[in-house]
Amino acid sequence: MIVCKLAEILNKKSWSIYRLRKESGVSYPTLLGLYHNRSRMYRADVLDKLCGALRCQVSDLLNWSATTRKKVVGRTGS
């Protein structure tokens, strides 16, 4: 599972989401999704803007974790 570390980076820099919004030009809802690690898609243009504003690499923002997700058991039609 890919984990976004935006909250950690902002805390280290003592930045707010509002400041990142102003510096990067990324929309507030997009930043909230990344901050709370709810995003499942990471657009290249968004990552580029964030890395430019935060002066970091994509590998600083995203991390792969071997944590297994719970499988959703679906109903089978009979």
PDB file of N, CA and C in Angstrom:
ATOM      1  N   MET A   1       0.840  -1.165   0.000  1.00  0.00           N
ATOM      2  CA  MET A   1       0.000   0.000   0.000  1.00  0.00           C
ATOM      3  C   MET A   1       0.897   1.244   0.000  1.00  0.00           C
ATOM      4  N   ILE A   2       0.557   2.220  -0.786  1.00  0.00           N
ATOM      5  CA  ILE A   2       1.307   3.468  -0.847  1.00  0.00           C
ATOM      6  C   ILE A   2       0.753   4.426   0.204  1.00  0.00           C
ATOM      7  N   VAL A   3       1.657   5.003   0.986  1.00  0.00           N
ATOM      8  CA  VAL A   3       1.288   5.904   2.077  1.00  0.00           C
ATOM      9  C   VAL A   3       1.844   7.290   1.781  1.00  0.00           C
ATOM     10  N   CYS A   4       0.994   8.304   1.926  1.00  0.00           N
ATOM     11  CA  CYS A   4       1.423   9.685   1.727  1.00  0.00           C
ATOM     12  C   CYS A   4       1.874  10.258   3.069  1.00  0.00           C
ATOM     13  N   LYS A   5       3.064  10.855   3.069  1.00  0.00           N
ATOM     14  CA  LYS A   5       3.646  11.398   4.296  1.00  0.00           C
ATOM     15  C   LYS A   5       3.558  12.922   4.354  1.00  0.00           C
ATOM     16  N   LEU A   6       2.537  13.486   3.718  1.00  0.00           N
ATOM     17  CA  LEU A   6       2.400  14.940   3.666  1.00  0.00           C
ATOM     18  C   LEU A   6       2.256  15.539   5.066  1.00  0.00           C
ATOM     19  N   ALA A   7       1.486  14.908   5.934  1.00  0.00           N
ATOM     20  CA  ALA A   7       1.291  15.435   7.290  1.00  0.00           C
ATOM     21  C   ALA A   7       2.622  15.528   8.029  1.00  0.00           C
ATOM     22  N   GLU A   8       3.459  14.513   7.904  1.00  0.00           N
ATOM     23  CA  GLU A   8       4.768  14.521   8.560  1.00  0.00           C
ATOM     24  C   GLU A   8       5.642  15.660   8.041  1.00  0.00           C
ATOM     25  N   ILE A   9       5.646  15.832   6.725  1.00  0.00           N
ATOM     26  CA  ILE A   9       6.483  16.872   6.120  1.00  0.00           C
ATOM     27  C   ILE A   9       6.018  18.255   6.560  1.00  0.00           C
ATOM     28  N   LEU A  10       4.703  18.473   6.555  1.00  0.00           N
ATOM     29  CA  LEU A  10       4.186  19.774   6.970  1.00  0.00           C
ATOM     30  C   LEU A  10       4.494  20.048   8.440  1.00  0.00           C
ATOM     31  N   ASN A  11       4.384  19.026   9.281  1.00  0.00           N
ATOM     32  CA  ASN A  11       4.703  19.206  10.702  1.00  0.00           C
ATOM     33  C   ASN A  11       6.170  19.553  10.900  1.00  0.00           C
ATOM     34  N   LYS A  12       7.068  18.899  10.168  1.00  0.00           N
ATOM     35  CA  LYS A  12       8.499  19.185  10.279  1.00  0.00           C
ATOM     36  C   LYS A  12       8.824  20.612   9.850  1.00  0.00           C
ATOM     37  N   LYS A  13       8.127  21.085   8.808  1.00  0.00           N
ATOM     38  CA  LYS A  13       8.375  22.432   8.299  1.00  0.00           C
ATOM     39  C   LYS A  13       7.571  23.496   9.039  1.00  0.00           C
ATOM     40  N   SER A  14       6.657  23.060   9.914  1.00  0.00           N
ATOM     41  CA  SER A  14       5.740  23.964  10.620  1.00  0.00           C
ATOM     42  C   SER A  14       4.883  24.753   9.632  1.00  0.00           C
ATOM     43  N   TRP A  15       4.436  24.063   8.590  1.00  0.00           N
ATOM     44  CA  TRP A  15       3.565  24.652   7.582  1.00  0.00           C
ATOM     45  C   TRP A  15       2.139  24.193   7.816  1.00  0.00           C
ATOM     46  N   SER A  16       1.193  25.018   7.452  1.00  0.00           N
ATOM     47  CA  SER A  16      -0.219  24.641   7.479  1.00  0.00           C
ATOM     48  C   SER A  16      -0.632  24.198   6.075  1.00  0.00           C
ATOM     49  N   ILE A  17      -1.785  23.570   5.995  1.00  0.00           N
ATOM     50  CA  ILE A  17      -2.318  23.201   4.675  1.00  0.00           C
ATOM     51  C   ILE A  17      -2.613  24.470   3.888  1.00  0.00           C
ATOM     52  N   TYR A  18      -3.053  25.501   4.572  1.00  0.00           N
ATOM     53  CA  TYR A  18      -3.337  26.776   3.915  1.00  0.00           C
ATOM     54  C   TYR A  18      -2.080  27.340   3.246  1.00  0.00           C
ATOM     55  N   ARG A  19      -0.971  27.309   3.967  1.00  0.00           N
ATOM     56  CA  ARG A  19       0.277  27.817   3.382  1.00  0.00           C
ATOM     57  C   ARG A  19       0.693  26.983   2.177  1.00  0.00           C
ATOM     58  N   LEU A  20       0.581  25.668   2.293  1.00  0.00           N
ATOM     59  CA  LEU A  20       0.930  24.800   1.168  1.00  0.00           C
ATOM     60  C   LEU A  20       0.021  25.074  -0.020  1.00  0.00           C
ATOM     61  N   ARG A  21      -1.248  25.344   0.246  1.00  0.00           N
ATOM     62  CA  ARG A  21      -2.200  25.675  -0.824  1.00  0.00           C
ATOM     63  C   ARG A  21      -1.727  26.919  -1.575  1.00  0.00           C
ATOM     64  N   LYS A  22      -1.305  27.925  -0.838  1.00  0.00           N
ATOM     65  CA  LYS A  22      -0.841  29.174  -1.452  1.00  0.00           C
ATOM     66  C   LYS A  22       0.479  28.991  -2.199  1.00  0.00           C
ATOM     67  N   GLU A  23       1.383  28.215  -1.639  1.00  0.00           N
ATOM     68  CA  GLU A  23       2.702  28.010  -2.248  1.00  0.00           C
ATOM     69  C   GLU A  23       2.648  27.105  -3.481  1.00  0.00           C
ATOM     70  N   SER A  24       1.765  26.097  -3.463  1.00  0.00           N
ATOM     71  CA  SER A  24       1.765  25.086  -4.520  1.00  0.00           C
ATOM     72  C   SER A  24       0.707  25.308  -5.592  1.00  0.00           C
ATOM     73  N   GLY A  25      -0.413  25.917  -5.225  1.00  0.00           N
ATOM     74  CA  GLY A  25      -1.511  26.069  -6.174  1.00  0.00           C
ATOM     75  C   GLY A  25      -2.391  24.830  -6.281  1.00  0.00           C
ATOM     76  N   VAL A  26      -2.171  23.856  -5.411  1.00  0.00           N
ATOM     77  CA  VAL A  26      -2.987  22.630  -5.395  1.00  0.00           C
ATOM     78  C   VAL A  26      -4.253  22.925  -4.597  1.00  0.00           C
ATOM     79  N   SER A  27      -5.384  22.418  -5.058  1.00  0.00           N
ATOM     80  CA  SER A  27      -6.657  22.715  -4.407  1.00  0.00           C
ATOM     81  C   SER A  27      -6.715  22.170  -2.985  1.00  0.00           C
ATOM     82  N   TYR A  28      -7.498  22.852  -2.157  1.00  0.00           N
ATOM     83  CA  TYR A  28      -7.633  22.470  -0.756  1.00  0.00           C
ATOM     84  C   TYR A  28      -8.190  21.052  -0.583  1.00  0.00           C
ATOM     85  N   PRO A  29      -9.249  20.648  -1.316  1.00  0.00           N
ATOM     86  CA  PRO A  29      -9.738  19.267  -1.158  1.00  0.00           C
ATOM     87  C   PRO A  29      -8.694  18.210  -1.511  1.00  0.00           C
ATOM     88  N   THR A  30      -7.885  18.480  -2.523  1.00  0.00           N
ATOM     89  CA  THR A  30      -6.824  17.545  -2.903  1.00  0.00           C
ATOM     90  C   THR A  30      -5.792  17.439  -1.781  1.00  0.00           C
ATOM     91  N   LEU A  31      -5.413  18.566  -1.218  1.00  0.00           N
ATOM     92  CA  LEU A  31      -4.447  18.555  -0.125  1.00  0.00           C
ATOM     93  C   LEU A  31      -4.997  17.840   1.106  1.00  0.00           C
ATOM     94  N   LEU A  32      -6.267  18.041   1.415  1.00  0.00           N
ATOM     95  CA  LEU A  32      -6.866  17.353   2.557  1.00  0.00           C
ATOM     96  C   LEU A  32      -6.841  15.839   2.372  1.00  0.00           C
ATOM     97  N   GLY A  33      -7.158  15.380   1.164  1.00  0.00           N
ATOM     98  CA  GLY A  33      -7.117  13.951   0.880  1.00  0.00           C
ATOM     99  C   GLY A  33      -5.727  13.373   1.060  1.00  0.00           C
ATOM    100  N   LEU A  34      -4.728  14.095   0.604  1.00  0.00           N
ATOM    101  CA  LEU A  34      -3.343  13.648   0.766  1.00  0.00           C
ATOM    102  C   LEU A  34      -2.909  13.720   2.228  1.00  0.00           C
ATOM    103  N   TYR A  35      -3.279  14.795   2.904  1.00  0.00           N
ATOM    104  CA  TYR A  35      -2.890  15.001   4.299  1.00  0.00           C
ATOM    105  C   TYR A  35      -3.436  13.887   5.197  1.00  0.00           C
ATOM    106  N   HIS A  36      -4.688  13.498   4.959  1.00  0.00           N
ATOM    107  CA  HIS A  36      -5.332  12.461   5.773  1.00  0.00           C
ATOM    108  C   HIS A  36      -5.148  11.067   5.189  1.00  0.00           C
ATOM    109  N   ASN A  37      -4.305  10.964   4.180  1.00  0.00           N
ATOM    110  CA  ASN A  37      -3.961   9.686   3.554  1.00  0.00           C
ATOM    111  C   ASN A  37      -5.185   8.941   3.022  1.00  0.00           C
ATOM    112  N   ARG A  38      -6.107   9.675   2.411  1.00  0.00           N
ATOM    113  CA  ARG A  38      -7.303   9.082   1.833  1.00  0.00           C
ATOM    114  C   ARG A  38      -7.221   8.952   0.316  1.00  0.00           C
ATOM    115  N   SER A  39      -6.188   9.511  -0.270  1.00  0.00           N
ATOM    116  CA  SER A  39      -6.058   9.480  -1.726  1.00  0.00           C
ATOM    117  C   SER A  39      -5.614   8.107  -2.194  1.00  0.00           C
ATOM    118  N   ARG A  40      -6.156   7.679  -3.324  1.00  0.00           N
ATOM    119  CA  ARG A  40      -5.771   6.410  -3.934  1.00  0.00           C
ATOM    120  C   ARG A  40      -5.075   6.627  -5.265  1.00  0.00           C
ATOM    121  N   MET A  41      -5.187   7.858  -5.785  1.00  0.00           N
ATOM    122  CA  MET A  41      -4.534   8.201  -7.042  1.00  0.00           C
ATOM    123  C   MET A  41      -3.635   9.420  -6.785  1.00  0.00           C
ATOM    124  N   TYR A  42      -2.457   9.387  -7.357  1.00  0.00           N
ATOM    125  CA  TYR A  42      -1.501  10.468  -7.170  1.00  0.00           C
ATOM    126  C   TYR A  42      -1.120  11.003  -8.542  1.00  0.00           C
ATOM    127  N   ARG A  43      -1.693  12.140  -8.917  1.00  0.00           N
ATOM    128  CA  ARG A  43      -1.436  12.717 -10.230  1.00  0.00           C
ATOM    129  C   ARG A  43      -0.044  13.324 -10.271  1.00  0.00           C
ATOM    130  N   ALA A  44       0.605  13.132 -11.400  1.00  0.00           N
ATOM    131  CA  ALA A  44       1.980  13.604 -11.570  1.00  0.00           C
ATOM    132  C   ALA A  44       2.072  15.121 -11.443  1.00  0.00           C
ATOM    133  N   ASP A  45       1.102  15.859 -11.980  1.00  0.00           N
ATOM    134  CA  ASP A  45       1.163  17.314 -11.904  1.00  0.00           C
ATOM    135  C   ASP A  45       1.009  17.812 -10.467  1.00  0.00           C
ATOM    136  N   VAL A  46       0.200  17.123  -9.683  1.00  0.00           N
ATOM    137  CA  VAL A  46       0.036  17.494  -8.272  1.00  0.00           C
ATOM    138  C   VAL A  46       1.323  17.208  -7.502  1.00  0.00           C
ATOM    139  N   LEU A  47       1.903  16.034  -7.723  1.00  0.00           N
ATOM    140  CA  LEU A  47       3.157  15.697  -7.053  1.00  0.00           C
ATOM    141  C   LEU A  47       4.265  16.678  -7.435  1.00  0.00           C
ATOM    142  N   ASP A  48       4.291  17.087  -8.697  1.00  0.00           N
ATOM    143  CA  ASP A  48       5.288  18.058  -9.167  1.00  0.00           C
ATOM    144  C   ASP A  48       5.127  19.390  -8.442  1.00  0.00           C
ATOM    145  N   LYS A  49       3.904  19.873  -8.311  1.00  0.00           N
ATOM    146  CA  LYS A  49       3.650  21.144  -7.617  1.00  0.00           C
ATOM    147  C   LYS A  49       4.029  21.052  -6.140  1.00  0.00           C
ATOM    148  N   LEU A  50       3.681  19.935  -5.513  1.00  0.00           N
ATOM    149  CA  LEU A  50       3.993  19.761  -4.097  1.00  0.00           C
ATOM    150  C   LEU A  50       5.499  19.693  -3.864  1.00  0.00           C
ATOM    151  N   CYS A  51       6.180  18.932  -4.701  1.00  0.00           N
ATOM    152  CA  CYS A  51       7.641  18.821  -4.558  1.00  0.00           C
ATOM    153  C   CYS A  51       8.322  20.161  -4.793  1.00  0.00           C
ATOM    154  N   GLY A  52       7.807  20.936  -5.728  1.00  0.00           N
ATOM    155  CA  GLY A  52       8.370  22.259  -5.977  1.00  0.00           C
ATOM    156  C   GLY A  52       8.179  23.196  -4.796  1.00  0.00           C
ATOM    157  N   ALA A  53       6.992  23.182  -4.224  1.00  0.00           N
ATOM    158  CA  ALA A  53       6.707  24.065  -3.089  1.00  0.00           C
ATOM    159  C   ALA A  53       7.455  23.632  -1.834  1.00  0.00           C
ATOM    160  N   LEU A  54       7.513  22.319  -1.604  1.00  0.00           N
ATOM    161  CA  LEU A  54       8.144  21.793  -0.388  1.00  0.00           C
ATOM    162  C   LEU A  54       9.650  21.569  -0.544  1.00  0.00           C
ATOM    163  N   ARG A  55      10.124  21.689  -1.782  1.00  0.00           N
ATOM    164  CA  ARG A  55      11.538  21.434  -2.095  1.00  0.00           C
ATOM    165  C   ARG A  55      11.962  20.048  -1.605  1.00  0.00           C
ATOM    166  N   CYS A  56      11.231  19.062  -2.123  1.00  0.00           N
ATOM    167  CA  CYS A  56      11.513  17.677  -1.747  1.00  0.00           C
ATOM    168  C   CYS A  56      11.362  16.779  -2.976  1.00  0.00           C
ATOM    169  N   GLN A  57      11.629  15.515  -2.809  1.00  0.00           N
ATOM    170  CA  GLN A  57      11.487  14.517  -3.865  1.00  0.00           C
ATOM    171  C   GLN A  57      10.172  13.765  -3.672  1.00  0.00           C
ATOM    172  N   VAL A  58       9.696  13.135  -4.731  1.00  0.00           N
ATOM    173  CA  VAL A  58       8.479  12.334  -4.639  1.00  0.00           C
ATOM    174  C   VAL A  58       8.654  11.232  -3.597  1.00  0.00           C
ATOM    175  N   SER A  59       9.854  10.670  -3.518  1.00  0.00           N
ATOM    176  CA  SER A  59      10.111   9.609  -2.534  1.00  0.00           C
ATOM    177  C   SER A  59      10.015  10.125  -1.095  1.00  0.00           C
ATOM    178  N   ASP A  60      10.107  11.436  -0.900  1.00  0.00           N
ATOM    179  CA  ASP A  60       9.903  12.010   0.435  1.00  0.00           C
ATOM    180  C   ASP A  60       8.417  12.067   0.777  1.00  0.00           C
ATOM    181  N   LEU A  61       7.576  12.217  -0.249  1.00  0.00           N
ATOM    182  CA  LEU A  61       6.127  12.329  -0.051  1.00  0.00           C
ATOM    183  C   LEU A  61       5.424  10.982   0.035  1.00  0.00           C
ATOM    184  N   LEU A  62       5.865  10.041  -0.792  1.00  0.00           N
ATOM    185  CA  LEU A  62       5.174   8.751  -0.872  1.00  0.00           C
ATOM    186  C   LEU A  62       6.082   7.626  -0.408  1.00  0.00           C
ATOM    187  N   ASN A  63       5.490   6.678   0.286  1.00  0.00           N
ATOM    188  CA  ASN A  63       6.236   5.548   0.809  1.00  0.00           C
ATOM    189  C   ASN A  63       5.407   4.287   0.590  1.00  0.00           C
ATOM    190  N   TRP A  64       6.077   3.204   0.247  1.00  0.00           N
ATOM    191  CA  TRP A  64       5.381   1.928   0.085  1.00  0.00           C
ATOM    192  C   TRP A  64       5.460   1.168   1.394  1.00  0.00           C
ATOM    193  N   SER A  65       4.310   0.663   1.840  1.00  0.00           N
ATOM    194  CA  SER A  65       4.251  -0.102   3.077  1.00  0.00           C
ATOM    195  C   SER A  65       3.728  -1.494   2.762  1.00  0.00           C
ATOM    196  N   ALA A  66       4.319  -2.495   3.368  1.00  0.00           N
ATOM    197  CA  ALA A  66       3.921  -3.880   3.119  1.00  0.00           C
ATOM    198  C   ALA A  66       2.694  -4.276   3.928  1.00  0.00           C
ATOM    199  N   THR A  67       2.083  -3.333   4.599  1.00  0.00           N
ATOM    200  CA  THR A  67       0.895  -3.613   5.393  1.00  0.00           C
ATOM    201  C   THR A  67      -0.200  -4.171   4.491  1.00  0.00           C
ATOM    202  N   THR A  68      -0.740  -5.295   4.888  1.00  0.00           N
ATOM    203  CA  THR A  68      -1.793  -5.924   4.100  1.00  0.00           C
ATOM    204  C   THR A  68      -3.125  -5.286   4.441  1.00  0.00           C
ATOM    205  N   ARG A  69      -3.875  -4.953   3.411  1.00  0.00           N
ATOM    206  CA  ARG A  69      -5.207  -4.414   3.623  1.00  0.00           C
ATOM    207  C   ARG A  69      -6.179  -5.540   3.857  1.00  0.00           C
ATOM    208  N   LYS A  70      -7.244  -5.210   4.560  1.00  0.00           N
ATOM    209  CA  LYS A  70      -8.280  -6.206   4.773  1.00  0.00           C
ATOM    210  C   LYS A  70      -9.010  -6.440   3.458  1.00  0.00           C
ATOM    211  N   LYS A  71      -9.248  -7.692   3.163  1.00  0.00           N
ATOM    212  CA  LYS A  71      -9.964  -8.016   1.948  1.00  0.00           C
ATOM    213  C   LYS A  71     -11.464  -7.896   2.204  1.00  0.00           C
ATOM    214  N   VAL A  72     -12.155  -7.322   1.253  1.00  0.00           N
ATOM    215  CA  VAL A  72     -13.603  -7.199   1.363  1.00  0.00           C
ATOM    216  C   VAL A  72     -14.193  -8.447   0.753  1.00  0.00           C
ATOM    217  N   VAL A  73     -14.976  -9.150   1.537  1.00  0.00           N
ATOM    218  CA  VAL A  73     -15.600 -10.375   1.058  1.00  0.00           C
ATOM    219  C   VAL A  73     -16.930  -9.996   0.425  1.00  0.00           C
ATOM    220  N   GLY A  74     -17.024 -10.245  -0.861  1.00  0.00           N
ATOM    221  CA  GLY A  74     -18.246  -9.910  -1.580  1.00  0.00           C
ATOM    222  C   GLY A  74     -19.230 -11.057  -1.586  1.00  0.00           C
ATOM    223  N   ARG A  75     -20.455 -10.737  -1.834  1.00  0.00           N
ATOM    224  CA  ARG A  75     -21.479 -11.766  -1.928  1.00  0.00           C
ATOM    225  C   ARG A  75     -21.453 -12.358  -3.329  1.00  0.00           C
ATOM    226  N   THR A  76     -21.615 -13.627  -3.400  1.00  0.00           N
ATOM    227  CA  THR A  76     -21.650 -14.273  -4.714  1.00  0.00           C
ATOM    228  C   THR A  76     -23.094 -14.542  -5.089  1.00  0.00           C
ATOM    229  N   GLY A  77     -23.398 -14.267  -6.308  1.00  0.00           N
ATOM    230  CA  GLY A  77     -24.756 -14.517  -6.791  1.00  0.00           C
ATOM    231  C   GLY A  77     -24.951 -15.984  -7.115  1.00  0.00           C
ATOM    232  N   SER A  78     -26.089 -16.556  -6.712  1.00  0.00           N
ATOM    233  CA  SER A  78     -26.333 -17.959  -7.036  1.00  0.00           C
ATOM    234  C   SER A  78     -27.547 -18.105  -7.891  1.00  0.00           C
TER     235      SER A  78
END
